[in-house]
Amino acid sequence: RVRLREIVELLEAGNLADNAFLFIGQG
């Protein structure tokens, strides 16, 4: 178990946090 802040910091280090183009939808 970890905090959400720790997950966000881990994803930010890999440029995966709050990335608008990480998931490209239809259109």
PDB file of all heavy atoms in Angstrom:
ATOM      1  N   ARG A   1       0.828  -1.190   0.000  1.00  0.00           N
ATOM      2  CA  ARG A   1       0.000   0.000   0.000  1.00  0.00           C
ATOM      3  C   ARG A   1       0.872   1.253   0.000  1.00  0.00           C
ATOM      4  O   ARG A   1       1.817   1.379   0.786  1.00  0.00           O
ATOM      5  CB  ARG A   1      -0.918   0.012   1.224  1.00  0.00           C
ATOM      6  CG  ARG A   1      -1.975  -1.074   1.216  1.00  0.00           C
ATOM      7  CD  ARG A   1      -2.959  -0.906   2.352  1.00  0.00           C
ATOM      8  NE  ARG A   1      -3.675   0.356   2.233  1.00  0.00           N
ATOM      9  CZ  ARG A   1      -4.650   0.732   3.071  1.00  0.00           C
ATOM     10  NH1 ARG A   1      -5.000  -0.065   4.070  1.00  0.00           N
ATOM     11  NH2 ARG A   1      -5.267   1.885   2.916  1.00  0.00           N
ATOM     12  N   VAL A   2       0.557   2.197  -0.883  1.00  0.00           N
ATOM     13  CA  VAL A   2       1.263   3.471  -0.972  1.00  0.00           C
ATOM     14  C   VAL A   2       0.209   4.566  -1.121  1.00  0.00           C
ATOM     15  O   VAL A   2      -0.982   4.312  -1.257  1.00  0.00           O
ATOM     16  CB  VAL A   2       2.241   3.492  -2.173  1.00  0.00           C
ATOM     17  CG1 VAL A   2       3.359   2.484  -1.976  1.00  0.00           C
ATOM     18  CG2 VAL A   2       1.501   3.209  -3.479  1.00  0.00           C
ATOM     19  N   ARG A   3       0.685   5.823  -1.116  1.00  0.00           N
ATOM     20  CA  ARG A   3      -0.206   6.953  -1.313  1.00  0.00           C
ATOM     21  C   ARG A   3      -0.291   7.308  -2.795  1.00  0.00           C
ATOM     22  O   ARG A   3       0.596   6.991  -3.574  1.00  0.00           O
ATOM     23  CB  ARG A   3       0.290   8.169  -0.515  1.00  0.00           C
ATOM     24  CG  ARG A   3       0.292   7.952   1.000  1.00  0.00           C
ATOM     25  CD  ARG A   3       0.868   9.144   1.706  1.00  0.00           C
ATOM     26  NE  ARG A   3       2.267   9.368   1.276  1.00  0.00           N
ATOM     27  CZ  ARG A   3       2.990  10.424   1.656  1.00  0.00           C
ATOM     28  NH1 ARG A   3       2.460  11.342   2.445  1.00  0.00           N
ATOM     29  NH2 ARG A   3       4.236  10.551   1.240  1.00  0.00           N
ATOM     30  N   LEU A   4      -1.363   8.036  -3.164  1.00  0.00           N
ATOM     31  CA  LEU A   4      -1.529   8.471  -4.552  1.00  0.00           C
ATOM     32  C   LEU A   4      -0.392   9.398  -4.953  1.00  0.00           C
ATOM     33  O   LEU A   4       0.068   9.354  -6.107  1.00  0.00           O
ATOM     34  CB  LEU A   4      -2.885   9.166  -4.708  1.00  0.00           C
ATOM     35  CG  LEU A   4      -3.169   9.778  -6.091  1.00  0.00           C
ATOM     36  CD1 LEU A   4      -3.130   8.716  -7.174  1.00  0.00           C
ATOM     37  CD2 LEU A   4      -4.504  10.512  -6.085  1.00  0.00           C
ATOM     38  N   ARG A   5       0.088  10.203  -4.010  1.00  0.00           N
ATOM     39  CA  ARG A   5       1.188  11.113  -4.329  1.00  0.00           C
ATOM     40  C   ARG A   5       2.420  10.352  -4.760  1.00  0.00           C
ATOM     41  O   ARG A   5       3.132  10.756  -5.691  1.00  0.00           O
ATOM     42  CB  ARG A   5       1.493  11.984  -3.095  1.00  0.00           C
ATOM     43  CG  ARG A   5       2.610  12.996  -3.304  1.00  0.00           C
ATOM     44  CD  ARG A   5       2.239  13.979  -4.382  1.00  0.00           C
ATOM     45  NE  ARG A   5       3.326  14.912  -4.644  1.00  0.00           N
ATOM     46  CZ  ARG A   5       3.332  15.777  -5.645  1.00  0.00           C
ATOM     47  NH1 ARG A   5       2.293  15.814  -6.471  1.00  0.00           N
ATOM     48  NH2 ARG A   5       4.336  16.595  -5.819  1.00  0.00           N
ATOM     49  N   GLU A   6       2.697   9.229  -4.124  1.00  0.00           N
ATOM     50  CA  GLU A   6       3.861   8.426  -4.489  1.00  0.00           C
ATOM     51  C   GLU A   6       3.688   7.833  -5.886  1.00  0.00           C
ATOM     52  O   GLU A   6       4.655   7.777  -6.665  1.00  0.00           O
ATOM     53  CB  GLU A   6       4.077   7.328  -3.457  1.00  0.00           C
ATOM     54  CG  GLU A   6       4.377   7.863  -2.057  1.00  0.00           C
ATOM     55  CD  GLU A   6       4.480   6.751  -1.040  1.00  0.00           C
ATOM     56  OE1 GLU A   6       4.341   5.587  -1.442  1.00  0.00           O
ATOM     57  OE2 GLU A   6       4.708   7.057   0.146  1.00  0.00           O
ATOM     58  N   ILE A   7       2.470   7.398  -6.233  1.00  0.00           N
ATOM     59  CA  ILE A   7       2.221   6.873  -7.583  1.00  0.00           C
ATOM     60  C   ILE A   7       2.416   7.976  -8.621  1.00  0.00           C
ATOM     61  O   ILE A   7       3.037   7.775  -9.675  1.00  0.00           O
ATOM     62  CB  ILE A   7       0.806   6.285  -7.676  1.00  0.00           C
ATOM     63  CG1 ILE A   7       0.666   5.075  -6.732  1.00  0.00           C
ATOM     64  CG2 ILE A   7       0.466   5.870  -9.096  1.00  0.00           C
ATOM     65  CD1 ILE A   7       1.483   3.875  -7.119  1.00  0.00           C
ATOM     66  N   VAL A   8       1.904   9.184  -8.340  1.00  0.00           N
ATOM     67  CA  VAL A   8       2.034  10.299  -9.281  1.00  0.00           C
ATOM     68  C   VAL A   8       3.490  10.667  -9.480  1.00  0.00           C
ATOM     69  O   VAL A   8       3.954  10.897 -10.615  1.00  0.00           O
ATOM     70  CB  VAL A   8       1.207  11.497  -8.788  1.00  0.00           C
ATOM     71  CG1 VAL A   8       1.479  12.729  -9.650  1.00  0.00           C
ATOM     72  CG2 VAL A   8      -0.280  11.162  -8.814  1.00  0.00           C
ATOM     73  N   GLU A   9       4.275  10.737  -8.401  1.00  0.00           N
ATOM     74  CA  GLU A   9       5.693  11.078  -8.532  1.00  0.00           C
ATOM     75  C   GLU A   9       6.432  10.013  -9.326  1.00  0.00           C
ATOM     76  O   GLU A   9       7.317  10.329 -10.145  1.00  0.00           O
ATOM     77  CB  GLU A   9       6.311  11.219  -7.140  1.00  0.00           C
ATOM     78  CG  GLU A   9       5.809  12.440  -6.383  1.00  0.00           C
ATOM     79  CD  GLU A   9       6.388  12.515  -4.982  1.00  0.00           C
ATOM     80  OE1 GLU A   9       7.092  11.540  -4.598  1.00  0.00           O
ATOM     81  OE2 GLU A   9       6.143  13.510  -4.283  1.00  0.00           O
ATOM     82  N   LEU A  10       6.079   8.728  -9.120  1.00  0.00           N
ATOM     83  CA  LEU A  10       6.725   7.656  -9.867  1.00  0.00           C
ATOM     84  C   LEU A  10       6.395   7.758 -11.360  1.00  0.00           C
ATOM     85  O   LEU A  10       7.274   7.614 -12.219  1.00  0.00           O
ATOM     86  CB  LEU A  10       6.287   6.302  -9.314  1.00  0.00           C
ATOM     87  CG  LEU A  10       6.872   5.056  -9.994  1.00  0.00           C
ATOM     88  CD1 LEU A  10       8.381   5.016  -9.829  1.00  0.00           C
ATOM     89  CD2 LEU A  10       6.238   3.789  -9.452  1.00  0.00           C
ATOM     90  N   LEU A  11       5.138   8.064 -11.677  1.00  0.00           N
ATOM     91  CA  LEU A  11       4.750   8.186 -13.083  1.00  0.00           C
ATOM     92  C   LEU A  11       5.321   9.451 -13.718  1.00  0.00           C
ATOM     93  O   LEU A  11       5.642   9.462 -14.914  1.00  0.00           O
ATOM     94  CB  LEU A  11       3.223   8.182 -13.199  1.00  0.00           C
ATOM     95  CG  LEU A  11       2.530   6.876 -12.776  1.00  0.00           C
ATOM     96  CD1 LEU A  11       1.021   7.027 -12.839  1.00  0.00           C
ATOM     97  CD2 LEU A  11       2.981   5.707 -13.650  1.00  0.00           C
ATOM     98  N   GLU A  12       5.445  10.519 -12.941  1.00  0.00           N
ATOM     99  CA  GLU A  12       6.048  11.734 -13.474  1.00  0.00           C
ATOM    100  C   GLU A  12       7.503  11.499 -13.861  1.00  0.00           C
ATOM    101  O   GLU A  12       7.995  12.056 -14.845  1.00  0.00           O
ATOM    102  CB  GLU A  12       5.963  12.856 -12.441  1.00  0.00           C
ATOM    103  CG  GLU A  12       4.596  13.501 -12.363  1.00  0.00           C
ATOM    104  CD  GLU A  12       4.587  14.644 -11.369  1.00  0.00           C
ATOM    105  OE1 GLU A  12       5.606  14.810 -10.653  1.00  0.00           O
ATOM    106  OE2 GLU A  12       3.581  15.372 -11.295  1.00  0.00           O
ATOM    107  N   ALA A  13       8.208  10.665 -13.091  1.00  0.00           N
ATOM    108  CA  ALA A  13       9.593  10.374 -13.435  1.00  0.00           C
ATOM    109  C   ALA A  13       9.693   9.651 -14.775  1.00  0.00           C
ATOM    110  O   ALA A  13      10.708   9.772 -15.482  1.00  0.00           O
ATOM    111  CB  ALA A  13      10.239   9.529 -12.333  1.00  0.00           C
ATOM    112  N   GLY A  14       8.658   8.906 -15.153  1.00  0.00           N
ATOM    113  CA  GLY A  14       8.657   8.219 -16.444  1.00  0.00           C
ATOM    114  C   GLY A  14       7.807   8.907 -17.488  1.00  0.00           C
ATOM    115  O   GLY A  14       7.497   8.302 -18.515  1.00  0.00           O
ATOM    116  N   ASN A  15       7.420  10.176 -17.205  1.00  0.00           N
ATOM    117  CA  ASN A  15       6.606  10.963 -18.143  1.00  0.00           C
ATOM    118  C   ASN A  15       5.281  10.260 -18.462  1.00  0.00           C
ATOM    119  O   ASN A  15       4.803  10.236 -19.593  1.00  0.00           O
ATOM    120  CB  ASN A  15       7.367  11.239 -19.449  1.00  0.00           C
ATOM    121  CG  ASN A  15       6.718  12.343 -20.281  1.00  0.00           C
ATOM    122  OD1 ASN A  15       5.970  13.156 -19.741  1.00  0.00           O
ATOM    123  ND2 ASN A  15       6.998  12.356 -21.575  1.00  0.00           N
ATOM    124  N   LEU A  16       4.691   9.666 -17.429  1.00  0.00           N
ATOM    125  CA  LEU A  16       3.421   8.958 -17.599  1.00  0.00           C
ATOM    126  C   LEU A  16       2.288   9.598 -16.814  1.00  0.00           C
ATOM    127  O   LEU A  16       1.142   9.140 -16.902  1.00  0.00           O
ATOM    128  CB  LEU A  16       3.559   7.493 -17.160  1.00  0.00           C
ATOM    129  CG  LEU A  16       4.555   6.647 -17.951  1.00  0.00           C
ATOM    130  CD1 LEU A  16       4.639   5.259 -17.348  1.00  0.00           C
ATOM    131  CD2 LEU A  16       4.149   6.567 -19.420  1.00  0.00           C
ATOM    132  N   ALA A  17       2.584  10.625 -16.050  1.00  0.00           N
ATOM    133  CA  ALA A  17       1.566  11.249 -15.215  1.00  0.00           C
ATOM    134  C   ALA A  17       0.979  12.459 -15.926  1.00  0.00           C
ATOM    135  O   ALA A  17       1.712  13.313 -16.440  1.00  0.00           O
ATOM    136  CB  ALA A  17       2.173  11.667 -13.876  1.00  0.00           C
ATOM    137  N   ASP A  18      -0.324  12.565 -15.913  1.00  0.00           N
ATOM    138  CA  ASP A  18      -1.031  13.715 -16.478  1.00  0.00           C
ATOM    139  C   ASP A  18      -0.605  13.979 -17.913  1.00  0.00           C
ATOM    140  O   ASP A  18      -0.398  15.125 -18.329  1.00  0.00           O
ATOM    141  CB  ASP A  18      -0.804  14.953 -15.605  1.00  0.00           C
ATOM    142  CG  ASP A  18      -1.845  16.026 -15.872  1.00  0.00           C
ATOM    143  OD1 ASP A  18      -2.868  15.686 -16.497  1.00  0.00           O
ATOM    144  OD2 ASP A  18      -1.620  17.168 -15.454  1.00  0.00           O
ATOM    145  N   ASN A  19      -0.444  12.919 -18.706  1.00  0.00           N
ATOM    146  CA  ASN A  19      -0.041  13.036 -20.115  1.00  0.00           C
ATOM    147  C   ASN A  19      -1.305  12.918 -20.961  1.00  0.00           C
ATOM    148  O   ASN A  19      -1.945  11.862 -21.021  1.00  0.00           O
ATOM    149  CB  ASN A  19       0.962  11.943 -20.482  1.00  0.00           C
ATOM    150  CG  ASN A  19       1.618  12.187 -21.837  1.00  0.00           C
ATOM    151  OD1 ASN A  19       1.037  12.842 -22.695  1.00  0.00           O
ATOM    152  ND2 ASN A  19       2.812  11.641 -22.014  1.00  0.00           N
ATOM    153  N   ALA A  20      -1.654  14.043 -21.613  1.00  0.00           N
ATOM    154  CA  ALA A  20      -2.907  14.061 -22.374  1.00  0.00           C
ATOM    155  C   ALA A  20      -2.880  13.145 -23.580  1.00  0.00           C
ATOM    156  O   ALA A  20      -3.930  12.759 -24.101  1.00  0.00           O
ATOM    157  CB  ALA A  20      -3.222  15.485 -22.812  1.00  0.00           C
ATOM    158  N   PHE A  21      -1.668  12.795 -24.041  1.00  0.00           N
ATOM    159  CA  PHE A  21      -1.559  11.966 -25.238  1.00  0.00           C
ATOM    160  C   PHE A  21      -1.093  10.551 -24.917  1.00  0.00           C
ATOM    161  O   PHE A  21      -0.638   9.835 -25.785  1.00  0.00           O
ATOM    162  CB  PHE A  21      -0.594  12.623 -26.244  1.00  0.00           C
ATOM    163  CG  PHE A  21      -1.052  13.992 -26.659  1.00  0.00           C
ATOM    164  CD1 PHE A  21      -0.517  15.121 -26.078  1.00  0.00           C
ATOM    165  CD2 PHE A  21      -2.047  14.135 -27.624  1.00  0.00           C
ATOM    166  CE1 PHE A  21      -0.943  16.388 -26.452  1.00  0.00           C
ATOM    167  CE2 PHE A  21      -2.477  15.400 -28.000  1.00  0.00           C
ATOM    168  CZ  PHE A  21      -1.923  16.536 -27.410  1.00  0.00           C
ATOM    169  N   LEU A  22      -1.158  10.210 -23.635  1.00  0.00           N
ATOM    170  CA  LEU A  22      -0.809   8.840 -23.269  1.00  0.00           C
ATOM    171  C   LEU A  22      -1.879   7.878 -23.783  1.00  0.00           C
ATOM    172  O   LEU A  22      -1.586   6.773 -24.212  1.00  0.00           O
ATOM    173  CB  LEU A  22      -0.654   8.726 -21.752  1.00  0.00           C
ATOM    174  CG  LEU A  22      -0.204   7.380 -21.222  1.00  0.00           C
ATOM    175  CD1 LEU A  22       1.185   7.029 -21.752  1.00  0.00           C
ATOM    176  CD2 LEU A  22      -0.199   7.373 -19.706  1.00  0.00           C
ATOM    177  N   PHE A  23      -3.155   8.306 -23.747  1.00  0.00           N
ATOM    178  CA  PHE A  23      -4.267   7.526 -24.284  1.00  0.00           C
ATOM    179  C   PHE A  23      -4.920   8.365 -25.386  1.00  0.00           C
ATOM    180  O   PHE A  23      -5.477   9.440 -25.106  1.00  0.00           O
ATOM    181  CB  PHE A  23      -5.291   7.219 -23.188  1.00  0.00           C
ATOM    182  CG  PHE A  23      -4.722   6.406 -22.067  1.00  0.00           C
ATOM    183  CD1 PHE A  23      -4.234   7.014 -20.925  1.00  0.00           C
ATOM    184  CD2 PHE A  23      -4.668   5.030 -22.168  1.00  0.00           C
ATOM    185  CE1 PHE A  23      -3.699   6.266 -19.907  1.00  0.00           C
ATOM    186  CE2 PHE A  23      -4.135   4.278 -21.140  1.00  0.00           C
ATOM    187  CZ  PHE A  23      -3.639   4.891 -20.006  1.00  0.00           C
ATOM    188  N   ILE A  24      -4.808   7.889 -26.615  1.00  0.00           N
ATOM    189  CA  ILE A  24      -5.365   8.601 -27.773  1.00  0.00           C
ATOM    190  C   ILE A  24      -6.654   7.910 -28.161  1.00  0.00           C
ATOM    191  O   ILE A  24      -6.671   6.745 -28.564  1.00  0.00           O
ATOM    192  CB  ILE A  24      -4.371   8.613 -28.955  1.00  0.00           C
ATOM    193  CG1 ILE A  24      -3.074   9.309 -28.536  1.00  0.00           C
ATOM    194  CG2 ILE A  24      -4.994   9.293 -30.165  1.00  0.00           C
ATOM    195  CD1 ILE A  24      -1.996   9.274 -29.595  1.00  0.00           C
ATOM    196  N   GLY A  25      -7.754   8.642 -28.001  1.00  0.00           N
ATOM    197  CA  GLY A  25      -9.048   8.071 -28.286  1.00  0.00           C
ATOM    198  C   GLY A  25      -9.423   8.186 -29.750  1.00  0.00           C
ATOM    199  O   GLY A  25      -8.660   8.671 -30.602  1.00  0.00           O
ATOM    200  N   GLN A  26     -10.628   7.709 -30.031  1.00  0.00           N
ATOM    201  CA  GLN A  26     -11.122   7.726 -31.409  1.00  0.00           C
ATOM    202  C   GLN A  26     -11.302   9.170 -31.886  1.00  0.00           C
ATOM    203  O   GLN A  26     -11.879   9.999 -31.209  1.00  0.00           O
ATOM    204  CB  GLN A  26     -12.456   6.981 -31.480  1.00  0.00           C
ATOM    205  CG  GLN A  26     -13.009   6.827 -32.880  1.00  0.00           C
ATOM    206  CD  GLN A  26     -14.292   6.031 -32.875  1.00  0.00           C
ATOM    207  OE1 GLN A  26     -14.777   5.652 -31.810  1.00  0.00           O
ATOM    208  NE2 GLN A  26     -14.830   5.758 -34.048  1.00  0.00           N
ATOM    209  N   GLY A  27     -10.736   9.504 -33.070  1.00  0.00           N
ATOM    210  CA  GLY A  27     -10.864  10.834 -33.650  1.00  0.00           C
ATOM    211  C   GLY A  27      -9.780  11.795 -33.264  1.00  0.00           C
ATOM    212  O   GLY A  27      -9.713  12.901 -33.826  1.00  0.00           O
TER     213      GLY A  27
END
